[in-house]
ModelCIF file with pLDDT and N, C-alpha, C, O atoms, coordinates in Angstrom:
data_MODEL
#
_entry.id   MODEL 
#
_entity.id                         1 
_entity.type                       polymer 
_entity.pdbx_number_of_molecules   1 
#
_entity_poly.entity_id                      1 
_entity_poly.type                           'polypeptide(L)' 
_entity_poly.nstd_linkage                   no 
_entity_poly.nstd_monomer                   no 
_entity_poly.pdbx_seq_one_letter_code       
;(UNK)(UNK)(UNK)(UNK)(UNK)(UNK)(UNK)(UNK)(UNK)(UNK)(UNK)(UNK)(UNK)(UNK)(UNK)(UNK)
(UNK)(UNK)(UNK)(UNK)(UNK)(UNK)(UNK)(UNK)(UNK)(UNK)(UNK)(UNK)(UNK)(UNK)(UNK)(UNK)
(UNK)(UNK)(UNK)
;
_entity_poly.pdbx_seq_one_letter_code_can   XXXXXXXXXXXXXXXXXXXXXXXXXXXXXXXXXXX 
_entity_poly.pdbx_strand_id                 A 
#
loop_
_entity_poly_seq.entity_id 
_entity_poly_seq.num 
_entity_poly_seq.mon_id 
_entity_poly_seq.hetero 
1 1  UNK n 
1 2  UNK n 
1 3  UNK n 
1 4  UNK n 
1 5  UNK n 
1 6  UNK n 
1 7  UNK n 
1 8  UNK n 
1 9  UNK n 
1 10 UNK n 
1 11 UNK n 
1 12 UNK n 
1 13 UNK n 
1 14 UNK n 
1 15 UNK n 
1 16 UNK n 
1 17 UNK n 
1 18 UNK n 
1 19 UNK n 
1 20 UNK n 
1 21 UNK n 
1 22 UNK n 
1 23 UNK n 
1 24 UNK n 
1 25 UNK n 
1 26 UNK n 
1 27 UNK n 
1 28 UNK n 
1 29 UNK n 
1 30 UNK n 
1 31 UNK n 
1 32 UNK n 
1 33 UNK n 
1 34 UNK n 
1 35 UNK n 
#
_struct_asym.id          A 
_struct_asym.entity_id   1 
#
loop_
_ma_qa_metric.id 
_ma_qa_metric.mode 
_ma_qa_metric.name 
_ma_qa_metric.software_group_id 
_ma_qa_metric.type 
1 global pLDDT . pLDDT 
2 local  pLDDT . pLDDT 
#
_ma_qa_metric_global.metric_id      1 
_ma_qa_metric_global.metric_value   93.06 
_ma_qa_metric_global.model_id       1 
_ma_qa_metric_global.ordinal_id     1 
#
loop_
_ma_qa_metric_local.label_asym_id 
_ma_qa_metric_local.label_comp_id 
_ma_qa_metric_local.label_seq_id 
_ma_qa_metric_local.metric_id 
_ma_qa_metric_local.metric_value 
_ma_qa_metric_local.model_id 
_ma_qa_metric_local.ordinal_id 
A UNK 1  2 93.00 1 1  
A UNK 2  2 94.00 1 2  
A UNK 3  2 93.00 1 3  
A UNK 4  2 93.00 1 4  
A UNK 5  2 91.00 1 5  
A UNK 6  2 93.00 1 6  
A UNK 7  2 95.00 1 7  
A UNK 8  2 93.00 1 8  
A UNK 9  2 90.00 1 9  
A UNK 10 2 84.00 1 10 
A UNK 11 2 80.00 1 11 
A UNK 12 2 76.00 1 12 
A UNK 13 2 74.00 1 13 
A UNK 14 2 83.00 1 14 
A UNK 15 2 92.00 1 15 
A UNK 16 2 96.00 1 16 
A UNK 17 2 97.00 1 17 
A UNK 18 2 98.00 1 18 
A UNK 19 2 98.00 1 19 
A UNK 20 2 98.00 1 20 
A UNK 21 2 98.00 1 21 
A UNK 22 2 98.00 1 22 
A UNK 23 2 97.00 1 23 
A UNK 24 2 96.00 1 24 
A UNK 25 2 91.00 1 25 
A UNK 26 2 91.00 1 26 
A UNK 27 2 95.00 1 27 
A UNK 28 2 97.00 1 28 
A UNK 29 2 98.00 1 29 
A UNK 30 2 98.00 1 30 
A UNK 31 2 98.00 1 31 
A UNK 32 2 98.00 1 32 
A UNK 33 2 98.00 1 33 
A UNK 34 2 97.00 1 34 
A UNK 35 2 96.00 1 35 
#
loop_
_atom_site.group_PDB 
_atom_site.id 
_atom_site.type_symbol 
_atom_site.label_atom_id 
_atom_site.label_alt_id 
_atom_site.label_comp_id 
_atom_site.label_asym_id 
_atom_site.label_entity_id 
_atom_site.label_seq_id 
_atom_site.pdbx_PDB_ins_code 
_atom_site.Cartn_x 
_atom_site.Cartn_y 
_atom_site.Cartn_z 
_atom_site.occupancy 
_atom_site.B_iso_or_equiv 
_atom_site.pdbx_formal_charge 
_atom_site.auth_seq_id 
_atom_site.auth_comp_id 
_atom_site.auth_asym_id 
_atom_site.auth_atom_id 
_atom_site.pdbx_PDB_model_num 
ATOM 1   N N  . UNK A 1 1  ? 44.560 5.777  -10.867 1.00 93.00 ? 1  UNK A N  1 
ATOM 2   C CA . UNK A 1 1  ? 44.226 4.730  -9.905  1.00 93.00 ? 1  UNK A CA 1 
ATOM 3   C C  . UNK A 1 1  ? 42.826 4.932  -9.321  1.00 93.00 ? 1  UNK A C  1 
ATOM 4   O O  . UNK A 1 1  ? 42.592 4.686  -8.138  1.00 93.00 ? 1  UNK A O  1 
ATOM 5   N N  . UNK A 1 2  ? 41.913 5.380  -10.162 1.00 94.00 ? 2  UNK A N  1 
ATOM 6   C CA . UNK A 1 2  ? 40.560 5.697  -9.715  1.00 94.00 ? 2  UNK A CA 1 
ATOM 7   C C  . UNK A 1 2  ? 39.656 4.470  -9.787  1.00 94.00 ? 2  UNK A C  1 
ATOM 8   O O  . UNK A 1 2  ? 39.892 3.552  -10.572 1.00 94.00 ? 2  UNK A O  1 
ATOM 9   N N  . UNK A 1 3  ? 38.627 4.472  -8.959  1.00 93.00 ? 3  UNK A N  1 
ATOM 10  C CA . UNK A 1 3  ? 37.612 3.422  -9.021  1.00 93.00 ? 3  UNK A CA 1 
ATOM 11  C C  . UNK A 1 3  ? 36.741 3.635  -10.252 1.00 93.00 ? 3  UNK A C  1 
ATOM 12  O O  . UNK A 1 3  ? 36.611 4.760  -10.735 1.00 93.00 ? 3  UNK A O  1 
ATOM 13  N N  . UNK A 1 4  ? 36.147 2.563  -10.761 1.00 93.00 ? 4  UNK A N  1 
ATOM 14  C CA . UNK A 1 4  ? 35.355 2.635  -11.990 1.00 93.00 ? 4  UNK A CA 1 
ATOM 15  C C  . UNK A 1 4  ? 34.223 3.648  -11.880 1.00 93.00 ? 4  UNK A C  1 
ATOM 16  O O  . UNK A 1 4  ? 33.948 4.374  -12.835 1.00 93.00 ? 4  UNK A O  1 
ATOM 17  N N  . UNK A 1 5  ? 33.562 3.703  -10.720 1.00 91.00 ? 5  UNK A N  1 
ATOM 18  C CA . UNK A 1 5  ? 32.428 4.617  -10.587 1.00 91.00 ? 5  UNK A CA 1 
ATOM 19  C C  . UNK A 1 5  ? 32.853 6.080  -10.608 1.00 91.00 ? 5  UNK A C  1 
ATOM 20  O O  . UNK A 1 5  ? 32.048 6.955  -10.929 1.00 91.00 ? 5  UNK A O  1 
ATOM 21  N N  . UNK A 1 6  ? 34.107 6.352  -10.269 1.00 93.00 ? 6  UNK A N  1 
ATOM 22  C CA . UNK A 1 6  ? 34.578 7.734  -10.256 1.00 93.00 ? 6  UNK A CA 1 
ATOM 23  C C  . UNK A 1 6  ? 34.879 8.282  -11.646 1.00 93.00 ? 6  UNK A C  1 
ATOM 24  O O  . UNK A 1 6  ? 35.113 9.479  -11.806 1.00 93.00 ? 6  UNK A O  1 
ATOM 25  N N  . UNK A 1 7  ? 34.872 7.408  -12.653 1.00 95.00 ? 7  UNK A N  1 
ATOM 26  C CA . UNK A 1 7  ? 35.195 7.842  -14.009 1.00 95.00 ? 7  UNK A CA 1 
ATOM 27  C C  . UNK A 1 7  ? 33.958 8.237  -14.811 1.00 95.00 ? 7  UNK A C  1 
ATOM 28  O O  . UNK A 1 7  ? 34.078 8.762  -15.918 1.00 95.00 ? 7  UNK A O  1 
ATOM 29  N N  . UNK A 1 8  ? 32.784 7.991  -14.265 1.00 93.00 ? 8  UNK A N  1 
ATOM 30  C CA . UNK A 1 8  ? 31.546 8.300  -14.991 1.00 93.00 ? 8  UNK A CA 1 
ATOM 31  C C  . UNK A 1 8  ? 31.307 9.808  -15.018 1.00 93.00 ? 8  UNK A C  1 
ATOM 32  O O  . UNK A 1 8  ? 31.640 10.524 -14.074 1.00 93.00 ? 8  UNK A O  1 
ATOM 33  N N  . UNK A 1 9  ? 30.724 10.268 -16.117 1.00 90.00 ? 9  UNK A N  1 
ATOM 34  C CA . UNK A 1 9  ? 30.410 11.689 -16.227 1.00 90.00 ? 9  UNK A CA 1 
ATOM 35  C C  . UNK A 1 9  ? 29.337 12.067 -15.217 1.00 90.00 ? 9  UNK A C  1 
ATOM 36  O O  . UNK A 1 9  ? 28.357 11.344 -15.038 1.00 90.00 ? 9  UNK A O  1 
ATOM 37  N N  . UNK A 1 10 ? 29.528 13.191 -14.567 1.00 84.00 ? 10 UNK A N  1 
ATOM 38  C CA . UNK A 1 10 ? 28.569 13.704 -13.588 1.00 84.00 ? 10 UNK A CA 1 
ATOM 39  C C  . UNK A 1 10 ? 27.710 14.792 -14.227 1.00 84.00 ? 10 UNK A C  1 
ATOM 40  O O  . UNK A 1 10 ? 28.175 15.472 -15.142 1.00 84.00 ? 10 UNK A O  1 
ATOM 41  N N  . UNK A 1 11 ? 26.473 14.975 -13.771 1.00 80.00 ? 11 UNK A N  1 
ATOM 42  C CA . UNK A 1 11 ? 25.810 14.248 -12.680 1.00 80.00 ? 11 UNK A CA 1 
ATOM 43  C C  . UNK A 1 11 ? 25.066 12.991 -13.135 1.00 80.00 ? 11 UNK A C  1 
ATOM 44  O O  . UNK A 1 11 ? 24.488 12.284 -12.309 1.00 80.00 ? 11 UNK A O  1 
ATOM 45  N N  . UNK A 1 12 ? 25.075 12.706 -14.445 1.00 76.00 ? 12 UNK A N  1 
ATOM 46  C CA . UNK A 1 12 ? 24.245 11.605 -14.956 1.00 76.00 ? 12 UNK A CA 1 
ATOM 47  C C  . UNK A 1 12 ? 24.610 10.269 -14.314 1.00 76.00 ? 12 UNK A C  1 
ATOM 48  O O  . UNK A 1 12 ? 23.727 9.506  -13.923 1.00 76.00 ? 12 UNK A O  1 
ATOM 49  N N  . UNK A 1 13 ? 25.925 9.980  -14.202 1.00 74.00 ? 13 UNK A N  1 
ATOM 50  C CA . UNK A 1 13 ? 26.390 8.744  -13.565 1.00 74.00 ? 13 UNK A CA 1 
ATOM 51  C C  . UNK A 1 13 ? 25.736 7.514  -14.188 1.00 74.00 ? 13 UNK A C  1 
ATOM 52  O O  . UNK A 1 13 ? 25.212 6.649  -13.486 1.00 74.00 ? 13 UNK A O  1 
ATOM 53  N N  . UNK A 1 14 ? 25.776 7.453  -15.523 1.00 83.00 ? 14 UNK A N  1 
ATOM 54  C CA . UNK A 1 14 ? 25.137 6.353  -16.247 1.00 83.00 ? 14 UNK A CA 1 
ATOM 55  C C  . UNK A 1 14 ? 26.086 5.201  -16.548 1.00 83.00 ? 14 UNK A C  1 
ATOM 56  O O  . UNK A 1 14 ? 25.715 4.247  -17.232 1.00 83.00 ? 14 UNK A O  1 
ATOM 57  N N  . UNK A 1 15 ? 27.306 5.292  -16.039 1.00 92.00 ? 15 UNK A N  1 
ATOM 58  C CA . UNK A 1 15 ? 28.337 4.368  -16.490 1.00 92.00 ? 15 UNK A CA 1 
ATOM 59  C C  . UNK A 1 15 ? 29.088 4.984  -17.660 1.00 92.00 ? 15 UNK A C  1 
ATOM 60  O O  . UNK A 1 15 ? 28.751 6.080  -18.106 1.00 92.00 ? 15 UNK A O  1 
ATOM 61  N N  . UNK A 1 16 ? 30.081 4.304  -18.148 1.00 96.00 ? 16 UNK A N  1 
ATOM 62  C CA . UNK A 1 16 ? 30.912 4.842  -19.233 1.00 96.00 ? 16 UNK A CA 1 
ATOM 63  C C  . UNK A 1 16 ? 31.422 3.710  -20.112 1.00 96.00 ? 16 UNK A C  1 
ATOM 64  O O  . UNK A 1 16 ? 31.390 2.537  -19.740 1.00 96.00 ? 16 UNK A O  1 
ATOM 65  N N  . UNK A 1 17 ? 31.898 4.107  -21.306 1.00 97.00 ? 17 UNK A N  1 
ATOM 66  C CA . UNK A 1 17 ? 32.424 3.104  -22.231 1.00 97.00 ? 17 UNK A CA 1 
ATOM 67  C C  . UNK A 1 17 ? 33.545 3.714  -23.067 1.00 97.00 ? 17 UNK A C  1 
ATOM 68  O O  . UNK A 1 17 ? 33.475 4.872  -23.481 1.00 97.00 ? 17 UNK A O  1 
ATOM 69  N N  . UNK A 1 18 ? 34.577 2.910  -23.305 1.00 98.00 ? 18 UNK A N  1 
ATOM 70  C CA . UNK A 1 18 ? 35.681 3.269  -24.195 1.00 98.00 ? 18 UNK A CA 1 
ATOM 71  C C  . UNK A 1 18 ? 35.799 2.193  -25.264 1.00 98.00 ? 18 UNK A C  1 
ATOM 72  O O  . UNK A 1 18 ? 35.692 1.004  -24.963 1.00 98.00 ? 18 UNK A O  1 
ATOM 73  N N  . UNK A 1 19 ? 36.016 2.598  -26.498 1.00 98.00 ? 19 UNK A N  1 
ATOM 74  C CA . UNK A 1 19 ? 36.311 1.644  -27.562 1.00 98.00 ? 19 UNK A CA 1 
ATOM 75  C C  . UNK A 1 19 ? 37.561 2.103  -28.288 1.00 98.00 ? 19 UNK A C  1 
ATOM 76  O O  . UNK A 1 19 ? 37.797 3.303  -28.432 1.00 98.00 ? 19 UNK A O  1 
ATOM 77  N N  . UNK A 1 20 ? 38.350 1.166  -28.737 1.00 98.00 ? 20 UNK A N  1 
ATOM 78  C CA . UNK A 1 20 ? 39.581 1.512  -29.429 1.00 98.00 ? 20 UNK A CA 1 
ATOM 79  C C  . UNK A 1 20 ? 39.926 0.498  -30.495 1.00 98.00 ? 20 UNK A C  1 
ATOM 80  O O  . UNK A 1 20 ? 39.597 -0.683 -30.385 1.00 98.00 ? 20 UNK A O  1 
ATOM 81  N N  . UNK A 1 21 ? 40.592 0.978  -31.530 1.00 98.00 ? 21 UNK A N  1 
ATOM 82  C CA . UNK A 1 21 ? 41.151 0.111  -32.566 1.00 98.00 ? 21 UNK A CA 1 
ATOM 83  C C  . UNK A 1 21 ? 42.660 0.149  -32.393 1.00 98.00 ? 21 UNK A C  1 
ATOM 84  O O  . UNK A 1 21 ? 43.289 1.188  -32.595 1.00 98.00 ? 21 UNK A O  1 
ATOM 85  N N  . UNK A 1 22 ? 43.243 -0.987 -32.018 1.00 98.00 ? 22 UNK A N  1 
ATOM 86  C CA . UNK A 1 22 ? 44.662 -1.067 -31.707 1.00 98.00 ? 22 UNK A CA 1 
ATOM 87  C C  . UNK A 1 22 ? 45.397 -1.827 -32.794 1.00 98.00 ? 22 UNK A C  1 
ATOM 88  O O  . UNK A 1 22 ? 45.061 -2.968 -33.112 1.00 98.00 ? 22 UNK A O  1 
ATOM 89  N N  . UNK A 1 23 ? 46.403 -1.181 -33.358 1.00 97.00 ? 23 UNK A N  1 
ATOM 90  C CA . UNK A 1 23 ? 47.299 -1.854 -34.305 1.00 97.00 ? 23 UNK A CA 1 
ATOM 91  C C  . UNK A 1 23 ? 48.499 -2.353 -33.509 1.00 97.00 ? 23 UNK A C  1 
ATOM 92  O O  . UNK A 1 23 ? 49.244 -1.549 -32.948 1.00 97.00 ? 23 UNK A O  1 
ATOM 93  N N  . UNK A 1 24 ? 48.695 -3.665 -33.453 1.00 96.00 ? 24 UNK A N  1 
ATOM 94  C CA . UNK A 1 24 ? 49.739 -4.236 -32.613 1.00 96.00 ? 24 UNK A CA 1 
ATOM 95  C C  . UNK A 1 24 ? 50.404 -5.414 -33.304 1.00 96.00 ? 24 UNK A C  1 
ATOM 96  O O  . UNK A 1 24 ? 49.775 -6.438 -33.570 1.00 96.00 ? 24 UNK A O  1 
ATOM 97  N N  . UNK A 1 25 ? 51.703 -5.246 -33.592 1.00 91.00 ? 25 UNK A N  1 
ATOM 98  C CA . UNK A 1 25 ? 52.506 -6.340 -34.149 1.00 91.00 ? 25 UNK A CA 1 
ATOM 99  C C  . UNK A 1 25 ? 51.821 -6.995 -35.342 1.00 91.00 ? 25 UNK A C  1 
ATOM 100 O O  . UNK A 1 25 ? 51.626 -8.210 -35.368 1.00 91.00 ? 25 UNK A O  1 
ATOM 101 N N  . UNK A 1 26 ? 51.461 -6.184 -36.323 1.00 91.00 ? 26 UNK A N  1 
ATOM 102 C CA . UNK A 1 26 ? 50.863 -6.635 -37.591 1.00 91.00 ? 26 UNK A CA 1 
ATOM 103 C C  . UNK A 1 26 ? 49.457 -7.206 -37.422 1.00 91.00 ? 26 UNK A C  1 
ATOM 104 O O  . UNK A 1 26 ? 48.941 -7.856 -38.331 1.00 91.00 ? 26 UNK A O  1 
ATOM 105 N N  . UNK A 1 27 ? 48.838 -6.972 -36.276 1.00 95.00 ? 27 UNK A N  1 
ATOM 106 C CA . UNK A 1 27 ? 47.463 -7.402 -36.067 1.00 95.00 ? 27 UNK A CA 1 
ATOM 107 C C  . UNK A 1 27 ? 46.632 -6.214 -35.608 1.00 95.00 ? 27 UNK A C  1 
ATOM 108 O O  . UNK A 1 27 ? 47.144 -5.281 -34.991 1.00 95.00 ? 27 UNK A O  1 
ATOM 109 N N  . UNK A 1 28 ? 45.331 -6.265 -35.922 1.00 97.00 ? 28 UNK A N  1 
ATOM 110 C CA . UNK A 1 28 ? 44.416 -5.211 -35.513 1.00 97.00 ? 28 UNK A CA 1 
ATOM 111 C C  . UNK A 1 28 ? 43.416 -5.791 -34.524 1.00 97.00 ? 28 UNK A C  1 
ATOM 112 O O  . UNK A 1 28 ? 42.805 -6.829 -34.776 1.00 97.00 ? 28 UNK A O  1 
ATOM 113 N N  . UNK A 1 29 ? 43.255 -5.101 -33.386 1.00 98.00 ? 29 UNK A N  1 
ATOM 114 C CA . UNK A 1 29 ? 42.342 -5.569 -32.344 1.00 98.00 ? 29 UNK A CA 1 
ATOM 115 C C  . UNK A 1 29 ? 41.311 -4.498 -32.040 1.00 98.00 ? 29 UNK A C  1 
ATOM 116 O O  . UNK A 1 29 ? 41.632 -3.311 -31.976 1.00 98.00 ? 29 UNK A O  1 
ATOM 117 N N  . UNK A 1 30 ? 40.081 -4.922 -31.855 1.00 98.00 ? 30 UNK A N  1 
ATOM 118 C CA . UNK A 1 30 ? 39.029 -4.022 -31.387 1.00 98.00 ? 30 UNK A CA 1 
ATOM 119 C C  . UNK A 1 30 ? 38.830 -4.263 -29.893 1.00 98.00 ? 30 UNK A C  1 
ATOM 120 O O  . UNK A 1 30 ? 38.570 -5.385 -29.460 1.00 98.00 ? 30 UNK A O  1 
ATOM 121 N N  . UNK A 1 31 ? 38.955 -3.204 -29.124 1.00 98.00 ? 31 UNK A N  1 
ATOM 122 C CA . UNK A 1 31 ? 38.897 -3.325 -27.672 1.00 98.00 ? 31 UNK A CA 1 
ATOM 123 C C  . UNK A 1 31 ? 37.739 -2.491 -27.138 1.00 98.00 ? 31 UNK A C  1 
ATOM 124 O O  . UNK A 1 31 ? 37.552 -1.342 -27.536 1.00 98.00 ? 31 UNK A O  1 
ATOM 125 N N  . UNK A 1 32 ? 36.970 -3.082 -26.236 1.00 98.00 ? 32 UNK A N  1 
ATOM 126 C CA . UNK A 1 32 ? 35.885 -2.370 -25.547 1.00 98.00 ? 32 UNK A CA 1 
ATOM 127 C C  . UNK A 1 32 ? 36.129 -2.467 -24.045 1.00 98.00 ? 32 UNK A C  1 
ATOM 128 O O  . UNK A 1 32 ? 36.420 -3.543 -23.522 1.00 98.00 ? 32 UNK A O  1 
ATOM 129 N N  . UNK A 1 33 ? 36.009 -1.340 -23.359 1.00 98.00 ? 33 UNK A N  1 
ATOM 130 C CA . UNK A 1 33 ? 36.169 -1.291 -21.906 1.00 98.00 ? 33 UNK A CA 1 
ATOM 131 C C  . UNK A 1 33 ? 35.009 -0.464 -21.361 1.00 98.00 ? 33 UNK A C  1 
ATOM 132 O O  . UNK A 1 33 ? 34.745 0.630  -21.860 1.00 98.00 ? 33 UNK A O  1 
ATOM 133 N N  . UNK A 1 34 ? 34.320 -0.966 -20.353 1.00 97.00 ? 34 UNK A N  1 
ATOM 134 C CA . UNK A 1 34 ? 33.155 -0.223 -19.877 1.00 97.00 ? 34 UNK A CA 1 
ATOM 135 C C  . UNK A 1 34 ? 32.857 -0.562 -18.415 1.00 97.00 ? 34 UNK A C  1 
ATOM 136 O O  . UNK A 1 34 ? 33.340 -1.546 -17.855 1.00 97.00 ? 34 UNK A O  1 
ATOM 137 N N  . UNK A 1 35 ? 32.041 0.300  -17.838 1.00 96.00 ? 35 UNK A N  1 
ATOM 138 C CA . UNK A 1 35 ? 31.515 0.084  -16.488 1.00 96.00 ? 35 UNK A CA 1 
ATOM 139 C C  . UNK A 1 35 ? 30.077 0.553  -16.485 1.00 96.00 ? 35 UNK A C  1 
ATOM 140 O O  . UNK A 1 35 ? 29.405 0.477  -15.456 1.00 96.00 ? 35 UNK A O  1 
#
């Protein structure tokens, strides 16, 4: 339950990004999440 800014690597604090390939119900999705 953290705020987006608290998830950034320290001390750089440049923001962060996650990418994932999700296989779901016979479909493939590319997901990007970032701050």
